[in-house]
Amino acid sequence: MSVLLERETLAADLLAQAIKATFERRGMAVPAELPVGLTDEFAHVRSADQAAAPEMQ
């Protein structure tokens, strides 16, 4: 998500609506906290490091 937002011009409110709609279509609750996979930290860690770090899973 971080990389997408860095490279593209997106309206934050439109993106939030799209994410919410995706969760609703899947019958899932929108998480109260940002999932680890959508954080800046996760986006900037190498793939091999992500697989090795339990807190990143």
PDB file of N, CA and C in Angstrom:
ATOM      1  N   MET A   1       0.839  -1.171   0.000  1.00  0.00           N
ATOM      2  CA  MET A   1       0.000   0.000   0.000  1.00  0.00           C
ATOM      3  C   MET A   1       0.887   1.239   0.000  1.00  0.00           C
ATOM      4  N   SER A   2       1.893   1.218   0.813  1.00  0.00           N
ATOM      5  CA  SER A   2       2.799   2.361   0.901  1.00  0.00           C
ATOM      6  C   SER A   2       3.424   2.672  -0.451  1.00  0.00           C
ATOM      7  N   VAL A   3       3.900   1.648  -1.127  1.00  0.00           N
ATOM      8  CA  VAL A   3       4.546   1.835  -2.425  1.00  0.00           C
ATOM      9  C   VAL A   3       3.540   2.362  -3.440  1.00  0.00           C
ATOM     10  N   LEU A   4       2.337   1.825  -3.424  1.00  0.00           N
ATOM     11  CA  LEU A   4       1.289   2.285  -4.334  1.00  0.00           C
ATOM     12  C   LEU A   4       1.017   3.772  -4.130  1.00  0.00           C
ATOM     13  N   LEU A   5       0.903   4.178  -2.882  1.00  0.00           N
ATOM     14  CA  LEU A   5       0.621   5.583  -2.588  1.00  0.00           C
ATOM     15  C   LEU A   5       1.794   6.498  -2.932  1.00  0.00           C
ATOM     16  N   GLU A   6       3.013   5.964  -2.859  1.00  0.00           N
ATOM     17  CA  GLU A   6       4.185   6.757  -3.222  1.00  0.00           C
ATOM     18  C   GLU A   6       4.269   6.971  -4.729  1.00  0.00           C
ATOM     19  N   ARG A   7       3.823   5.986  -5.497  1.00  0.00           N
ATOM     20  CA  ARG A   7       3.993   6.020  -6.953  1.00  0.00           C
ATOM     21  C   ARG A   7       2.788   6.552  -7.710  1.00  0.00           C
ATOM     22  N   GLU A   8       1.636   6.538  -7.107  1.00  0.00           N
ATOM     23  CA  GLU A   8       0.406   6.940  -7.788  1.00  0.00           C
ATOM     24  C   GLU A   8      -0.274   8.073  -7.034  1.00  0.00           C
ATOM     25  N   THR A   9      -1.075   8.834  -7.736  1.00  0.00           N
ATOM     26  CA  THR A   9      -1.885   9.866  -7.108  1.00  0.00           C
ATOM     27  C   THR A   9      -3.272   9.282  -6.892  1.00  0.00           C
ATOM     28  N   LEU A  10      -3.613   9.041  -5.650  1.00  0.00           N
ATOM     29  CA  LEU A  10      -4.906   8.457  -5.306  1.00  0.00           C
ATOM     30  C   LEU A  10      -5.591   9.329  -4.270  1.00  0.00           C
ATOM     31  N   ALA A  11      -6.889   9.422  -4.371  1.00  0.00           N
ATOM     32  CA  ALA A  11      -7.658  10.134  -3.352  1.00  0.00           C
ATOM     33  C   ALA A  11      -7.784   9.208  -2.145  1.00  0.00           C
ATOM     34  N   ALA A  12      -7.284   9.644  -1.001  1.00  0.00           N
ATOM     35  CA  ALA A  12      -7.280   8.807   0.201  1.00  0.00           C
ATOM     36  C   ALA A  12      -8.687   8.360   0.585  1.00  0.00           C
ATOM     37  N   ASP A  13      -9.671   9.252   0.479  1.00  0.00           N
ATOM     38  CA  ASP A  13     -11.032   8.872   0.856  1.00  0.00           C
ATOM     39  C   ASP A  13     -11.608   7.836  -0.106  1.00  0.00           C
ATOM     40  N   LEU A  14     -11.295   7.937  -1.388  1.00  0.00           N
ATOM     41  CA  LEU A  14     -11.764   6.960  -2.366  1.00  0.00           C
ATOM     42  C   LEU A  14     -11.111   5.600  -2.119  1.00  0.00           C
ATOM     43  N   LEU A  15      -9.829   5.608  -1.796  1.00  0.00           N
ATOM     44  CA  LEU A  15      -9.120   4.372  -1.486  1.00  0.00           C
ATOM     45  C   LEU A  15      -9.712   3.715  -0.245  1.00  0.00           C
ATOM     46  N   ALA A  16      -9.989   4.502   0.784  1.00  0.00           N
ATOM     47  CA  ALA A  16     -10.587   3.968   2.014  1.00  0.00           C
ATOM     48  C   ALA A  16     -11.947   3.340   1.725  1.00  0.00           C
ATOM     49  N   GLN A  17     -12.747   3.989   0.885  1.00  0.00           N
ATOM     50  CA  GLN A  17     -14.059   3.439   0.519  1.00  0.00           C
ATOM     51  C   GLN A  17     -13.907   2.119  -0.230  1.00  0.00           C
ATOM     52  N   ALA A  18     -12.938   2.046  -1.127  1.00  0.00           N
ATOM     53  CA  ALA A  18     -12.711   0.826  -1.900  1.00  0.00           C
ATOM     54  C   ALA A  18     -12.277  -0.326  -1.001  1.00  0.00           C
ATOM     55  N   ILE A  19     -11.398  -0.040  -0.049  1.00  0.00           N
ATOM     56  CA  ILE A  19     -10.942  -1.080   0.881  1.00  0.00           C
ATOM     57  C   ILE A  19     -12.104  -1.556   1.738  1.00  0.00           C
ATOM     58  N   LYS A  20     -12.891  -0.630   2.252  1.00  0.00           N
ATOM     59  CA  LYS A  20     -14.059  -0.979   3.073  1.00  0.00           C
ATOM     60  C   LYS A  20     -15.034  -1.838   2.270  1.00  0.00           C
ATOM     61  N   ALA A  21     -15.301  -1.452   1.032  1.00  0.00           N
ATOM     62  CA  ALA A  21     -16.226  -2.206   0.179  1.00  0.00           C
ATOM     63  C   ALA A  21     -15.709  -3.617  -0.089  1.00  0.00           C
ATOM     64  N   THR A  22     -14.405  -3.753  -0.256  1.00  0.00           N
ATOM     65  CA  THR A  22     -13.818  -5.076  -0.483  1.00  0.00           C
ATOM     66  C   THR A  22     -14.049  -5.979   0.721  1.00  0.00           C
ATOM     67  N   PHE A  23     -13.803  -5.463   1.922  1.00  0.00           N
ATOM     68  CA  PHE A  23     -14.041  -6.255   3.127  1.00  0.00           C
ATOM     69  C   PHE A  23     -15.511  -6.636   3.236  1.00  0.00           C
ATOM     70  N   GLU A  24     -16.401  -5.693   2.960  1.00  0.00           N
ATOM     71  CA  GLU A  24     -17.837  -5.960   3.061  1.00  0.00           C
ATOM     72  C   GLU A  24     -18.268  -7.029   2.068  1.00  0.00           C
ATOM     73  N   ARG A  25     -17.774  -6.967   0.831  1.00  0.00           N
ATOM     74  CA  ARG A  25     -18.121  -7.982  -0.173  1.00  0.00           C
ATOM     75  C   ARG A  25     -17.671  -9.365   0.258  1.00  0.00           C
ATOM     76  N   ARG A  26     -16.580  -9.427   0.979  1.00  0.00           N
ATOM     77  CA  ARG A  26     -16.042 -10.715   1.437  1.00  0.00           C
ATOM     78  C   ARG A  26     -16.656 -11.162   2.760  1.00  0.00           C
ATOM     79  N   GLY A  27     -17.561 -10.348   3.292  1.00  0.00           N
ATOM     80  CA  GLY A  27     -18.212 -10.696   4.554  1.00  0.00           C
ATOM     81  C   GLY A  27     -17.270 -10.631   5.743  1.00  0.00           C
ATOM     82  N   MET A  28     -16.295  -9.754   5.670  1.00  0.00           N
ATOM     83  CA  MET A  28     -15.293  -9.628   6.727  1.00  0.00           C
ATOM     84  C   MET A  28     -15.402  -8.259   7.385  1.00  0.00           C
ATOM     85  N   ALA A  29     -15.048  -8.213   8.653  1.00  0.00           N
ATOM     86  CA  ALA A  29     -15.011  -6.938   9.370  1.00  0.00           C
ATOM     87  C   ALA A  29     -13.742  -6.183   8.982  1.00  0.00           C
ATOM     88  N   VAL A  30     -13.858  -4.877   8.865  1.00  0.00           N
ATOM     89  CA  VAL A  30     -12.683  -4.049   8.599  1.00  0.00           C
ATOM     90  C   VAL A  30     -11.853  -4.030   9.881  1.00  0.00           C
ATOM     91  N   PRO A  31     -10.552  -4.376   9.802  1.00  0.00           N
ATOM     92  CA  PRO A  31      -9.727  -4.404  11.010  1.00  0.00           C
ATOM     93  C   PRO A  31      -9.632  -3.026  11.670  1.00  0.00           C
ATOM     94  N   ALA A  32      -9.585  -3.022  12.994  1.00  0.00           N
ATOM     95  CA  ALA A  32      -9.457  -1.768  13.741  1.00  0.00           C
ATOM     96  C   ALA A  32      -8.067  -1.158  13.544  1.00  0.00           C
ATOM     97  N   GLU A  33      -7.071  -2.017  13.376  1.00  0.00           N
ATOM     98  CA  GLU A  33      -5.696  -1.556  13.177  1.00  0.00           C
ATOM     99  C   GLU A  33      -5.244  -1.905  11.768  1.00  0.00           C
ATOM    100  N   LEU A  34      -4.283  -1.161  11.267  1.00  0.00           N
ATOM    101  CA  LEU A  34      -3.744  -1.405   9.940  1.00  0.00           C
ATOM    102  C   LEU A  34      -3.049  -2.763   9.912  1.00  0.00           C
ATOM    103  N   PRO A  35      -3.425  -3.642   8.990  1.00  0.00           N
ATOM    104  CA  PRO A  35      -2.743  -4.935   8.891  1.00  0.00           C
ATOM    105  C   PRO A  35      -1.251  -4.737   8.608  1.00  0.00           C
ATOM    106  N   VAL A  36      -0.426  -5.600   9.172  1.00  0.00           N
ATOM    107  CA  VAL A  36       1.026  -5.485   9.024  1.00  0.00           C
ATOM    108  C   VAL A  36       1.418  -5.399   7.551  1.00  0.00           C
ATOM    109  N   GLY A  37       0.768  -6.170   6.711  1.00  0.00           N
ATOM    110  CA  GLY A  37       1.108  -6.195   5.290  1.00  0.00           C
ATOM    111  C   GLY A  37       0.849  -4.891   4.561  1.00  0.00           C
ATOM    112  N   LEU A  38       0.134  -3.965   5.182  1.00  0.00           N
ATOM    113  CA  LEU A  38      -0.145  -2.672   4.555  1.00  0.00           C
ATOM    114  C   LEU A  38       0.661  -1.531   5.165  1.00  0.00           C
ATOM    115  N   THR A  39       1.579  -1.842   6.065  1.00  0.00           N
ATOM    116  CA  THR A  39       2.361  -0.798   6.723  1.00  0.00           C
ATOM    117  C   THR A  39       3.562  -0.368   5.881  1.00  0.00           C
ATOM    118  N   ASP A  40       4.062   0.830   6.143  1.00  0.00           N
ATOM    119  CA  ASP A  40       5.270   1.322   5.476  1.00  0.00           C
ATOM    120  C   ASP A  40       6.445   0.395   5.754  1.00  0.00           C
ATOM    121  N   GLU A  41       6.563  -0.042   6.999  1.00  0.00           N
ATOM    122  CA  GLU A  41       7.672  -0.912   7.382  1.00  0.00           C
ATOM    123  C   GLU A  41       7.683  -2.178   6.535  1.00  0.00           C
ATOM    124  N   PHE A  42       6.535  -2.815   6.402  1.00  0.00           N
ATOM    125  CA  PHE A  42       6.436  -4.048   5.630  1.00  0.00           C
ATOM    126  C   PHE A  42       6.787  -3.800   4.163  1.00  0.00           C
ATOM    127  N   ALA A  43       6.345  -2.685   3.630  1.00  0.00           N
ATOM    128  CA  ALA A  43       6.576  -2.371   2.217  1.00  0.00           C
ATOM    129  C   ALA A  43       8.050  -2.175   1.899  1.00  0.00           C
ATOM    130  N   HIS A  44       8.829  -1.791   2.886  1.00  0.00           N
ATOM    131  CA  HIS A  44      10.231  -1.484   2.637  1.00  0.00           C
ATOM    132  C   HIS A  44      11.195  -2.551   3.146  1.00  0.00           C
ATOM    133  N   VAL A  45      10.669  -3.697   3.552  1.00  0.00           N
ATOM    134  CA  VAL A  45      11.506  -4.813   3.992  1.00  0.00           C
ATOM    135  C   VAL A  45      11.629  -5.786   2.824  1.00  0.00           C
ATOM    136  N   ARG A  46      12.819  -6.315   2.614  1.00  0.00           N
ATOM    137  CA  ARG A  46      13.024  -7.270   1.522  1.00  0.00           C
ATOM    138  C   ARG A  46      12.174  -8.520   1.740  1.00  0.00           C
ATOM    139  N   SER A  47      11.776  -9.172   0.672  1.00  0.00           N
ATOM    140  CA  SER A  47      10.922 -10.362   0.739  1.00  0.00           C
ATOM    141  C   SER A  47      11.525 -11.455   1.616  1.00  0.00           C
ATOM    142  N   ALA A  48      12.820 -11.699   1.497  1.00  0.00           N
ATOM    143  CA  ALA A  48      13.470 -12.736   2.301  1.00  0.00           C
ATOM    144  C   ALA A  48      13.385 -12.399   3.781  1.00  0.00           C
ATOM    145  N   ASP A  49      13.518 -11.117   4.120  1.00  0.00           N
ATOM    146  CA  ASP A  49      13.435 -10.697   5.513  1.00  0.00           C
ATOM    147  C   ASP A  49      12.010 -10.842   6.038  1.00  0.00           C
ATOM    148  N   GLN A  50      11.006 -10.588   5.201  1.00  0.00           N
ATOM    149  CA  GLN A  50       9.613 -10.731   5.610  1.00  0.00           C
ATOM    150  C   GLN A  50       9.318 -12.181   5.971  1.00  0.00           C
ATOM    151  N   ALA A  51       9.823 -13.109   5.185  1.00  0.00           N
ATOM    152  CA  ALA A  51       9.582 -14.526   5.440  1.00  0.00           C
ATOM    153  C   ALA A  51      10.263 -14.981   6.725  1.00  0.00           C
ATOM    154  N   ALA A  52      11.380 -14.369   7.064  1.00  0.00           N
ATOM    155  CA  ALA A  52      12.138 -14.777   8.238  1.00  0.00           C
ATOM    156  C   ALA A  52      11.662 -14.120   9.527  1.00  0.00           C
ATOM    157  N   ALA A  53      10.931 -13.020   9.429  1.00  0.00           N
ATOM    158  CA  ALA A  53      10.521 -12.264  10.617  1.00  0.00           C
ATOM    159  C   ALA A  53       9.100 -12.632  11.029  1.00  0.00           C
ATOM    160  N   PRO A  54       8.932 -13.335  12.161  1.00  0.00           N
ATOM    161  CA  PRO A  54       7.597 -13.751  12.597  1.00  0.00           C
ATOM    162  C   PRO A  54       6.645 -12.578  12.813  1.00  0.00           C
ATOM    163  N   GLU A  55       7.141 -11.432  13.272  1.00  0.00           N
ATOM    164  CA  GLU A  55       6.267 -10.283  13.523  1.00  0.00           C
ATOM    165  C   GLU A  55       5.739  -9.683  12.227  1.00  0.00           C
ATOM    166  N   MET A  56       6.314 -10.040  11.112  1.00  0.00           N
ATOM    167  CA  MET A  56       5.863  -9.534   9.820  1.00  0.00           C
ATOM    168  C   MET A  56       4.821 -10.456   9.184  1.00  0.00           C
ATOM    169  N   GLN A  57       4.486 -11.547   9.847  1.00  0.00           N
ATOM    170  CA  GLN A  57       3.535 -12.496   9.254  1.00  0.00           C
ATOM    171  C   GLN A  57       2.174 -12.336   9.849  1.00  0.00           C
TER     172      GLN A  57
END
